[in-house]
Amino acid sequence: MAATTTDQHPKITLYWLNDSRAQRMVWLLEELGVPYDVNMFHRSKDMLAPAELQQIHPLGKSPIVTIQPTTTTEPGGGVMPRRLIVLAESPFIAQYLCDHFGKHLVPNKYKNLDGGELGGAETDEWMRHQHLLYYSEGSLMPPLLVALILSILSGPKIPFFIRPITSTVAGKVHNSFVVPNIENHCAFLQQLLETSPNGGQYLCGGKLTAADILISYPLLNLPRVEALGGESQKGKLKEKFPKLFEYIARLEEHEGYKRADKKIKELEAKQKD
């Protein structure tokens, strides 16, 4: 006889940090439609995450999601507690949550097949989704992070008497490395939108997926990174890649995105009271 759960839903907790990738996890959890709690943390003046996060996960990064599964009742009547699950790294968190709570956010892997699960028979939608889950962190984020680091070299944290030198170096690296890489990624993503399966408006087809949610963070930061190149660079990416920026605007208008934004603003307001 199979064990039965005593509660309908496990306890899900998101450890949220301002100016981090955690915001897209709020959106993901909203789309999953499962109950969850948010524990809020804020960066220090030097923009580092608080040490308390290391008590949840050794790296002390955000997002972190913990899941306390429901207890199970054994056939003999005994109760067996199940271990706390601690998830870190956005793609892994998204994949785990979707596997258990939100398969509607993942495209079908196979079409009707009589021969079983054969390599090469996966749908285009699923292949895109799996690639983009990891692409958002593995390929797209690094040049954006370099741009944000370079901005420090031009900012007030650098002593004013050497700032002209560091600013010049930062500007050259920005123009020679960051800009070409960002434009290459924008061209790639615009091409994916232009070839979206069945003429869909999302990267993997006609409906929102977890990959769209994960990629929202770097894409929503594109204007901020672009501005680091100076006034002359503002708006150039939008002008060059209009379909991509239409997609970004579409993500911001999504009801789940708005609910997530509203939820965090309300929680922050309560925390200040």
C-alpha atoms as a PDB file:
ATOM      1  CA  MET A   1       0.000   0.000   0.000  1.00  0.00           C
ATOM      2  CA  ALA A   2       1.458   3.365  -0.979  1.00  0.00           C
ATOM      3  CA  ALA A   3       2.100   6.029   1.630  1.00  0.00           C
ATOM      4  CA  THR A   4      -0.262   8.998   1.665  1.00  0.00           C
ATOM      5  CA  THR A   5       0.590  12.617   2.416  1.00  0.00           C
ATOM      6  CA  THR A   6      -0.959  14.301   5.424  1.00  0.00           C
ATOM      7  CA  ASP A   7      -1.043  17.798   3.893  1.00  0.00           C
ATOM      8  CA  GLN A   8      -1.923  18.976   0.431  1.00  0.00           C
ATOM      9  CA  HIS A   9       1.023  21.306  -0.140  1.00  0.00           C
ATOM     10  CA  PRO A  10       4.612  21.397   1.086  1.00  0.00           C
ATOM     11  CA  LYS A  11       5.930  24.578   2.702  1.00  0.00           C
ATOM     12  CA  ILE A  12       7.846  26.604   0.099  1.00  0.00           C
ATOM     13  CA  THR A  13      10.015  29.545   1.169  1.00  0.00           C
ATOM     14  CA  LEU A  14      11.848  31.963  -1.117  1.00  0.00           C
ATOM     15  CA  TYR A  15      14.831  33.839   0.319  1.00  0.00           C
ATOM     16  CA  TRP A  16      14.642  37.124  -1.566  1.00  0.00           C
ATOM     17  CA  LEU A  17      17.405  39.741  -1.911  1.00  0.00           C
ATOM     18  CA  ASN A  18      17.002  43.187  -3.423  1.00  0.00           C
ATOM     19  CA  ASP A  19      18.722  43.851  -6.780  1.00  0.00           C
ATOM     20  CA  SER A  20      19.089  40.142  -7.422  1.00  0.00           C
ATOM     21  CA  ARG A  21      17.727  37.375  -9.586  1.00  0.00           C
ATOM     22  CA  ALA A  22      15.285  36.464  -6.807  1.00  0.00           C
ATOM     23  CA  GLN A  23      12.554  38.699  -8.254  1.00  0.00           C
ATOM     24  CA  ARG A  24      12.012  36.366 -11.184  1.00  0.00           C
ATOM     25  CA  MET A  25      11.511  33.510  -8.705  1.00  0.00           C
ATOM     26  CA  VAL A  26       8.606  35.460  -7.210  1.00  0.00           C
ATOM     27  CA  TRP A  27       7.150  35.632 -10.714  1.00  0.00           C
ATOM     28  CA  LEU A  28       7.747  31.905 -11.251  1.00  0.00           C
ATOM     29  CA  LEU A  29       6.041  31.016  -7.967  1.00  0.00           C
ATOM     30  CA  GLU A  30       3.107  33.249  -8.897  1.00  0.00           C
ATOM     31  CA  GLU A  31       2.757  31.369 -12.190  1.00  0.00           C
ATOM     32  CA  LEU A  32       2.947  28.014 -10.405  1.00  0.00           C
ATOM     33  CA  GLY A  33       0.018  29.025  -8.224  1.00  0.00           C
ATOM     34  CA  VAL A  34       1.330  27.276  -5.103  1.00  0.00           C
ATOM     35  CA  PRO A  35       1.392  28.774  -1.588  1.00  0.00           C
ATOM     36  CA  TYR A  36       4.786  30.215  -0.650  1.00  0.00           C
ATOM     37  CA  ASP A  37       6.430  32.502   1.854  1.00  0.00           C
ATOM     38  CA  VAL A  38       9.059  35.176   1.222  1.00  0.00           C
ATOM     39  CA  ASN A  39      11.916  35.900   3.637  1.00  0.00           C
ATOM     40  CA  MET A  40      13.341  39.300   2.699  1.00  0.00           C
ATOM     41  CA  PHE A  41      16.982  40.359   2.834  1.00  0.00           C
ATOM     42  CA  HIS A  42      18.658  43.602   1.738  1.00  0.00           C
ATOM     43  CA  ARG A  43      22.157  44.366   0.593  1.00  0.00           C
ATOM     44  CA  SER A  44      24.577  46.338   2.724  1.00  0.00           C
ATOM     45  CA  LYS A  45      26.020  49.688   1.597  1.00  0.00           C
ATOM     46  CA  ASP A  46      28.821  47.840  -0.205  1.00  0.00           C
ATOM     47  CA  MET A  47      26.128  45.903  -2.132  1.00  0.00           C
ATOM     48  CA  LEU A  48      27.026  42.561  -0.529  1.00  0.00           C
ATOM     49  CA  ALA A  49      24.393  40.076   0.577  1.00  0.00           C
ATOM     50  CA  PRO A  50      23.941  39.757   4.353  1.00  0.00           C
ATOM     51  CA  ALA A  51      25.836  36.954   6.086  1.00  0.00           C
ATOM     52  CA  GLU A  52      22.554  35.479   7.348  1.00  0.00           C
ATOM     53  CA  LEU A  53      21.953  33.954   3.915  1.00  0.00           C
ATOM     54  CA  GLN A  54      24.910  31.644   4.516  1.00  0.00           C
ATOM     55  CA  GLN A  55      22.885  29.975   7.240  1.00  0.00           C
ATOM     56  CA  ILE A  56      20.473  28.836   4.529  1.00  0.00           C
ATOM     57  CA  HIS A  57      23.071  27.932   1.884  1.00  0.00           C
ATOM     58  CA  PRO A  58      26.895  28.042   2.242  1.00  0.00           C
ATOM     59  CA  LEU A  59      27.339  30.391  -0.724  1.00  0.00           C
ATOM     60  CA  GLY A  60      25.038  32.995   0.806  1.00  0.00           C
ATOM     61  CA  LYS A  61      23.532  33.932  -2.544  1.00  0.00           C
ATOM     62  CA  SER A  62      19.970  34.663  -3.614  1.00  0.00           C
ATOM     63  CA  PRO A  63      17.652  33.265  -4.796  1.00  0.00           C
ATOM     64  CA  ILE A  64      17.411  30.292  -2.492  1.00  0.00           C
ATOM     65  CA  VAL A  65      14.262  28.226  -2.213  1.00  0.00           C
ATOM     66  CA  THR A  66      13.563  25.745   0.555  1.00  0.00           C
ATOM     67  CA  ILE A  67      10.850  23.125   0.423  1.00  0.00           C
ATOM     68  CA  GLN A  68       9.641  21.306   3.494  1.00  0.00           C
ATOM     69  CA  PRO A  69       7.761  18.316   2.062  1.00  0.00           C
ATOM     70  CA  THR A  70       4.673  17.021   3.765  1.00  0.00           C
ATOM     71  CA  THR A  71       5.069  14.135   6.173  1.00  0.00           C
ATOM     72  CA  THR A  72       3.954  10.717   5.015  1.00  0.00           C
ATOM     73  CA  THR A  73       1.894   8.105   6.791  1.00  0.00           C
ATOM     74  CA  GLU A  74       3.259   4.577   6.579  1.00  0.00           C
ATOM     75  CA  PRO A  75       0.979   1.552   6.168  1.00  0.00           C
ATOM     76  CA  GLY A  76       1.560   0.656   9.832  1.00  0.00           C
ATOM     77  CA  GLY A  77       0.339   4.062  10.952  1.00  0.00           C
ATOM     78  CA  GLY A  78       3.705   5.661  11.716  1.00  0.00           C
ATOM     79  CA  VAL A  79       4.575   9.158  10.505  1.00  0.00           C
ATOM     80  CA  MET A  80       7.787   9.557   8.521  1.00  0.00           C
ATOM     81  CA  PRO A  81       9.171  13.132   8.250  1.00  0.00           C
ATOM     82  CA  ARG A  82      10.823  14.049   4.972  1.00  0.00           C
ATOM     83  CA  ARG A  83      14.022  16.089   4.753  1.00  0.00           C
ATOM     84  CA  LEU A  84      14.142  19.806   4.011  1.00  0.00           C
ATOM     85  CA  ILE A  85      15.105  20.509   0.401  1.00  0.00           C
ATOM     86  CA  VAL A  86      17.402  23.508  -0.216  1.00  0.00           C
ATOM     87  CA  LEU A  87      17.622  24.732  -3.815  1.00  0.00           C
ATOM     88  CA  ALA A  88      20.175  27.209  -5.172  1.00  0.00           C
ATOM     89  CA  GLU A  89      21.053  28.408  -8.701  1.00  0.00           C
ATOM     90  CA  SER A  90      18.162  29.797 -10.714  1.00  0.00           C
ATOM     91  CA  PRO A  91      18.011  27.202 -13.538  1.00  0.00           C
ATOM     92  CA  PHE A  92      18.044  24.314 -11.068  1.00  0.00           C
ATOM     93  CA  ILE A  93      15.403  25.981  -8.882  1.00  0.00           C
ATOM     94  CA  ALA A  94      13.166  26.598 -11.898  1.00  0.00           C
ATOM     95  CA  GLN A  95      13.564  23.089 -13.253  1.00  0.00           C
ATOM     96  CA  TYR A  96      12.887  21.456  -9.885  1.00  0.00           C
ATOM     97  CA  LEU A  97       9.821  23.569  -9.176  1.00  0.00           C
ATOM     98  CA  CYS A  98       8.402  22.989 -12.649  1.00  0.00           C
ATOM     99  CA  ASP A  99       9.011  19.236 -12.429  1.00  0.00           C
ATOM    100  CA  HIS A 100       6.944  19.061  -9.250  1.00  0.00           C
ATOM    101  CA  PHE A 101       4.460  21.922  -9.427  1.00  0.00           C
ATOM    102  CA  GLY A 102       4.329  23.479 -12.877  1.00  0.00           C
ATOM    103  CA  LYS A 103       4.661  21.285 -15.923  1.00  0.00           C
ATOM    104  CA  HIS A 104       2.416  23.769 -17.732  1.00  0.00           C
ATOM    105  CA  LEU A 105       5.448  26.109 -17.798  1.00  0.00           C
ATOM    106  CA  VAL A 106       7.552  23.565 -19.742  1.00  0.00           C
ATOM    107  CA  PRO A 107       6.840  22.635 -23.381  1.00  0.00           C
ATOM    108  CA  ASN A 108       6.025  19.023 -24.223  1.00  0.00           C
ATOM    109  CA  LYS A 109       9.207  17.063 -24.740  1.00  0.00           C
ATOM    110  CA  TYR A 110       7.855  14.655 -27.349  1.00  0.00           C
ATOM    111  CA  LYS A 111       5.096  14.492 -29.874  1.00  0.00           C
ATOM    112  CA  ASN A 112       3.169  11.235 -30.279  1.00  0.00           C
ATOM    113  CA  LEU A 113       5.758   8.499 -30.601  1.00  0.00           C
ATOM    114  CA  ASP A 114       5.310   4.753 -30.856  1.00  0.00           C
ATOM    115  CA  GLY A 115       9.006   4.007 -30.525  1.00  0.00           C
ATOM    116  CA  GLY A 116       9.550   5.519 -27.078  1.00  0.00           C
ATOM    117  CA  GLU A 117      11.891   8.319 -26.075  1.00  0.00           C
ATOM    118  CA  LEU A 118      14.410   8.532 -28.906  1.00  0.00           C
ATOM    119  CA  GLY A 119      17.245  11.031 -29.077  1.00  0.00           C
ATOM    120  CA  GLY A 120      16.589  13.647 -31.718  1.00  0.00           C
ATOM    121  CA  ALA A 121      12.815  13.295 -31.474  1.00  0.00           C
ATOM    122  CA  GLU A 122      12.396  16.108 -28.938  1.00  0.00           C
ATOM    123  CA  THR A 123      10.194  19.023 -29.930  1.00  0.00           C
ATOM    124  CA  ASP A 124      11.775  22.321 -30.965  1.00  0.00           C
ATOM    125  CA  GLU A 125       9.871  24.032 -28.152  1.00  0.00           C
ATOM    126  CA  TRP A 126      11.359  21.753 -25.484  1.00  0.00           C
ATOM    127  CA  MET A 127      14.897  21.963 -26.901  1.00  0.00           C
ATOM    128  CA  ARG A 128      14.711  25.762 -26.875  1.00  0.00           C
ATOM    129  CA  HIS A 129      13.386  25.764 -23.334  1.00  0.00           C
ATOM    130  CA  GLN A 130      16.132  23.536 -21.928  1.00  0.00           C
ATOM    131  CA  HIS A 131      18.838  25.544 -23.671  1.00  0.00           C
ATOM    132  CA  LEU A 132      17.474  28.923 -22.588  1.00  0.00           C
ATOM    133  CA  LEU A 133      17.124  27.884 -18.926  1.00  0.00           C
ATOM    134  CA  TYR A 134      20.894  27.637 -18.738  1.00  0.00           C
ATOM    135  CA  TYR A 135      21.761  30.177 -21.422  1.00  0.00           C
ATOM    136  CA  SER A 136      20.321  33.010 -19.320  1.00  0.00           C
ATOM    137  CA  GLU A 137      22.984  32.420 -16.651  1.00  0.00           C
ATOM    138  CA  GLY A 138      25.784  30.703 -18.554  1.00  0.00           C
ATOM    139  CA  SER A 139      26.100  32.997 -21.582  1.00  0.00           C
ATOM    140  CA  LEU A 140      23.893  36.061 -21.273  1.00  0.00           C
ATOM    141  CA  MET A 141      24.632  37.226 -17.724  1.00  0.00           C
ATOM    142  CA  PRO A 142      28.496  37.357 -17.813  1.00  0.00           C
ATOM    143  CA  PRO A 143      28.837  40.393 -20.150  1.00  0.00           C
ATOM    144  CA  LEU A 144      26.125  42.189 -18.178  1.00  0.00           C
ATOM    145  CA  LEU A 145      28.001  41.535 -14.937  1.00  0.00           C
ATOM    146  CA  VAL A 146      31.233  42.780 -16.512  1.00  0.00           C
ATOM    147  CA  ALA A 147      29.417  45.991 -17.461  1.00  0.00           C
ATOM    148  CA  LEU A 148      28.170  46.486 -13.898  1.00  0.00           C
ATOM    149  CA  ILE A 149      31.665  45.887 -12.497  1.00  0.00           C
ATOM    150  CA  LEU A 150      33.126  48.371 -14.970  1.00  0.00           C
ATOM    151  CA  SER A 151      30.624  50.956 -13.791  1.00  0.00           C
ATOM    152  CA  ILE A 152      32.250  50.814 -10.347  1.00  0.00           C
ATOM    153  CA  LEU A 153      35.548  51.900 -11.893  1.00  0.00           C
ATOM    154  CA  SER A 154      33.848  55.089 -13.038  1.00  0.00           C
ATOM    155  CA  GLY A 155      31.873  55.659  -9.863  1.00  0.00           C
ATOM    156  CA  PRO A 156      32.325  57.467  -6.559  1.00  0.00           C
ATOM    157  CA  LYS A 157      33.923  54.467  -4.825  1.00  0.00           C
ATOM    158  CA  ILE A 158      37.102  55.128  -6.801  1.00  0.00           C
ATOM    159  CA  PRO A 159      39.293  57.973  -5.427  1.00  0.00           C
ATOM    160  CA  PHE A 160      38.747  61.060  -7.570  1.00  0.00           C
ATOM    161  CA  PHE A 161      42.438  61.516  -8.405  1.00  0.00           C
ATOM    162  CA  ILE A 162      42.689  58.143 -10.207  1.00  0.00           C
ATOM    163  CA  ARG A 163      39.102  58.034 -11.454  1.00  0.00           C
ATOM    164  CA  PRO A 164      39.964  59.577 -14.861  1.00  0.00           C
ATOM    165  CA  ILE A 165      42.355  56.677 -15.486  1.00  0.00           C
ATOM    166  CA  THR A 166      40.014  53.933 -14.312  1.00  0.00           C
ATOM    167  CA  SER A 167      37.116  55.516 -16.208  1.00  0.00           C
ATOM    168  CA  THR A 168      39.145  55.533 -19.427  1.00  0.00           C
ATOM    169  CA  VAL A 169      40.079  51.872 -18.996  1.00  0.00           C
ATOM    170  CA  ALA A 170      36.496  50.942 -18.127  1.00  0.00           C
ATOM    171  CA  GLY A 171      35.191  52.793 -21.172  1.00  0.00           C
ATOM    172  CA  LYS A 172      37.564  50.996 -23.518  1.00  0.00           C
ATOM    173  CA  VAL A 173      36.667  47.575 -22.111  1.00  0.00           C
ATOM    174  CA  HIS A 174      32.982  48.439 -22.269  1.00  0.00           C
ATOM    175  CA  ASN A 175      33.198  49.417 -25.929  1.00  0.00           C
ATOM    176  CA  SER A 176      35.507  46.603 -27.035  1.00  0.00           C
ATOM    177  CA  PHE A 177      34.029  43.713 -25.017  1.00  0.00           C
ATOM    178  CA  VAL A 178      30.640  44.471 -23.487  1.00  0.00           C
ATOM    179  CA  VAL A 179      28.920  46.224 -26.399  1.00  0.00           C
ATOM    180  CA  PRO A 180      29.819  43.622 -29.094  1.00  0.00           C
ATOM    181  CA  ASN A 181      28.829  40.753 -26.802  1.00  0.00           C
ATOM    182  CA  ILE A 182      25.534  42.333 -25.783  1.00  0.00           C
ATOM    183  CA  GLU A 183      24.649  43.076 -29.398  1.00  0.00           C
ATOM    184  CA  ASN A 184      25.490  39.495 -30.369  1.00  0.00           C
ATOM    185  CA  HIS A 185      23.128  38.172 -27.706  1.00  0.00           C
ATOM    186  CA  CYS A 186      20.388  40.604 -28.719  1.00  0.00           C
ATOM    187  CA  ALA A 187      20.675  39.472 -32.338  1.00  0.00           C
ATOM    188  CA  PHE A 188      20.486  35.825 -31.256  1.00  0.00           C
ATOM    189  CA  LEU A 189      17.391  36.379 -29.128  1.00  0.00           C
ATOM    190  CA  GLN A 190      15.657  38.453 -31.782  1.00  0.00           C
ATOM    191  CA  GLN A 191      16.273  35.626 -34.248  1.00  0.00           C
ATOM    192  CA  LEU A 192      14.687  33.163 -31.808  1.00  0.00           C
ATOM    193  CA  LEU A 193      11.630  35.396 -31.581  1.00  0.00           C
ATOM    194  CA  GLU A 194      11.427  35.693 -35.357  1.00  0.00           C
ATOM    195  CA  THR A 195      11.530  31.892 -35.683  1.00  0.00           C
ATOM    196  CA  SER A 196       9.407  31.065 -32.621  1.00  0.00           C
ATOM    197  CA  PRO A 197       7.494  27.796 -33.227  1.00  0.00           C
ATOM    198  CA  ASN A 198       4.049  28.310 -34.771  1.00  0.00           C
ATOM    199  CA  GLY A 199       4.612  32.066 -34.896  1.00  0.00           C
ATOM    200  CA  GLY A 200       4.513  32.352 -31.103  1.00  0.00           C
ATOM    201  CA  GLN A 201       5.213  35.575 -29.229  1.00  0.00           C
ATOM    202  CA  TYR A 202       7.517  33.909 -26.691  1.00  0.00           C
ATOM    203  CA  LEU A 203      10.953  32.389 -27.109  1.00  0.00           C
ATOM    204  CA  CYS A 204       9.689  28.808 -27.054  1.00  0.00           C
ATOM    205  CA  GLY A 205       6.393  29.230 -28.852  1.00  0.00           C
ATOM    206  CA  GLY A 206       2.920  30.509 -28.156  1.00  0.00           C
ATOM    207  CA  LYS A 207       2.890  30.515 -24.354  1.00  0.00           C
ATOM    208  CA  LEU A 208       4.986  31.740 -21.451  1.00  0.00           C
ATOM    209  CA  THR A 209       7.526  29.233 -20.129  1.00  0.00           C
ATOM    210  CA  ALA A 210       9.958  29.105 -17.207  1.00  0.00           C
ATOM    211  CA  ALA A 211      12.714  30.024 -19.682  1.00  0.00           C
ATOM    212  CA  ASP A 212      10.981  33.325 -20.475  1.00  0.00           C
ATOM    213  CA  ILE A 213      10.778  34.071 -16.763  1.00  0.00           C
ATOM    214  CA  LEU A 214      14.451  33.315 -16.135  1.00  0.00           C
ATOM    215  CA  ILE A 215      15.663  35.346 -19.069  1.00  0.00           C
ATOM    216  CA  SER A 216      13.605  38.341 -17.940  1.00  0.00           C
ATOM    217  CA  TYR A 217      16.216  39.471 -15.402  1.00  0.00           C
ATOM    218  CA  PRO A 218      19.124  40.059 -17.806  1.00  0.00           C
ATOM    219  CA  LEU A 219      16.824  41.459 -20.479  1.00  0.00           C
ATOM    220  CA  LEU A 220      15.168  43.949 -18.142  1.00  0.00           C
ATOM    221  CA  ASN A 221      18.655  45.138 -17.185  1.00  0.00           C
ATOM    222  CA  LEU A 222      19.698  45.852 -20.775  1.00  0.00           C
ATOM    223  CA  PRO A 223      18.758  49.574 -20.658  1.00  0.00           C
ATOM    224  CA  ARG A 224      20.688  49.962 -17.405  1.00  0.00           C
ATOM    225  CA  VAL A 225      23.791  48.357 -18.893  1.00  0.00           C
ATOM    226  CA  GLU A 226      23.411  50.324 -22.127  1.00  0.00           C
ATOM    227  CA  ALA A 227      23.356  53.566 -20.139  1.00  0.00           C
ATOM    228  CA  LEU A 228      26.810  52.754 -18.745  1.00  0.00           C
ATOM    229  CA  GLY A 229      28.179  53.529 -22.209  1.00  0.00           C
ATOM    230  CA  GLY A 230      27.079  57.143 -21.893  1.00  0.00           C
ATOM    231  CA  GLU A 231      24.236  59.267 -23.220  1.00  0.00           C
ATOM    232  CA  SER A 232      25.204  58.544 -26.819  1.00  0.00           C
ATOM    233  CA  GLN A 233      24.456  54.830 -26.353  1.00  0.00           C
ATOM    234  CA  LYS A 234      21.004  55.127 -24.761  1.00  0.00           C
ATOM    235  CA  GLY A 235      18.224  53.683 -26.903  1.00  0.00           C
ATOM    236  CA  LYS A 236      20.502  52.197 -29.556  1.00  0.00           C
ATOM    237  CA  LEU A 237      19.729  48.586 -28.657  1.00  0.00           C
ATOM    238  CA  LYS A 238      15.987  49.215 -28.816  1.00  0.00           C
ATOM    239  CA  GLU A 239      16.396  50.890 -32.178  1.00  0.00           C
ATOM    240  CA  LYS A 240      18.502  48.028 -33.516  1.00  0.00           C
ATOM    241  CA  PHE A 241      16.465  45.163 -32.048  1.00  0.00           C
ATOM    242  CA  PRO A 242      12.828  46.318 -31.954  1.00  0.00           C
ATOM    243  CA  LYS A 243      11.257  42.838 -31.847  1.00  0.00           C
ATOM    244  CA  LEU A 244      13.343  41.918 -28.809  1.00  0.00           C
ATOM    245  CA  PHE A 245      12.295  45.055 -26.937  1.00  0.00           C
ATOM    246  CA  GLU A 246       8.649  44.459 -27.856  1.00  0.00           C
ATOM    247  CA  TYR A 247       9.055  41.044 -26.223  1.00  0.00           C
ATOM    248  CA  ILE A 248      10.620  42.625 -23.105  1.00  0.00           C
ATOM    249  CA  ALA A 249       7.678  45.020 -22.856  1.00  0.00           C
ATOM    250  CA  ARG A 250       5.308  42.059 -23.242  1.00  0.00           C
ATOM    251  CA  LEU A 251       6.964  40.301 -20.309  1.00  0.00           C
ATOM    252  CA  GLU A 252       6.518  43.400 -18.133  1.00  0.00           C
ATOM    253  CA  GLU A 253       2.823  43.504 -19.018  1.00  0.00           C
ATOM    254  CA  HIS A 254       2.260  39.889 -18.040  1.00  0.00           C
ATOM    255  CA  GLU A 255      -0.181  39.555 -15.124  1.00  0.00           C
ATOM    256  CA  GLY A 256       2.119  37.202 -13.217  1.00  0.00           C
ATOM    257  CA  TYR A 257       4.968  39.700 -13.483  1.00  0.00           C
ATOM    258  CA  LYS A 258       2.732  42.486 -12.169  1.00  0.00           C
ATOM    259  CA  ARG A 259       1.532  40.332  -9.257  1.00  0.00           C
ATOM    260  CA  ALA A 260       5.110  39.517  -8.308  1.00  0.00           C
ATOM    261  CA  ASP A 261       6.148  43.172  -8.455  1.00  0.00           C
ATOM    262  CA  LYS A 262       3.162  44.220  -6.354  1.00  0.00           C
ATOM    263  CA  LYS A 263       3.785  41.476  -3.794  1.00  0.00           C
ATOM    264  CA  ILE A 264       7.394  42.522  -3.161  1.00  0.00           C
ATOM    265  CA  LYS A 265       6.498  46.217  -2.950  1.00  0.00           C
ATOM    266  CA  GLU A 266       3.824  45.416  -0.363  1.00  0.00           C
ATOM    267  CA  LEU A 267       6.192  43.231   1.663  1.00  0.00           C
ATOM    268  CA  GLU A 268       8.900  45.910   1.613  1.00  0.00           C
ATOM    269  CA  ALA A 269       6.385  48.521   2.751  1.00  0.00           C
ATOM    270  CA  LYS A 270       5.341  46.297   5.670  1.00  0.00           C
ATOM    271  CA  GLN A 271       8.975  45.722   6.596  1.00  0.00           C
ATOM    272  CA  LYS A 272       9.586  49.491   6.792  1.00  0.00           C
ATOM    273  CA  ASP A 273       6.562  50.068   9.063  1.00  0.00           C
END
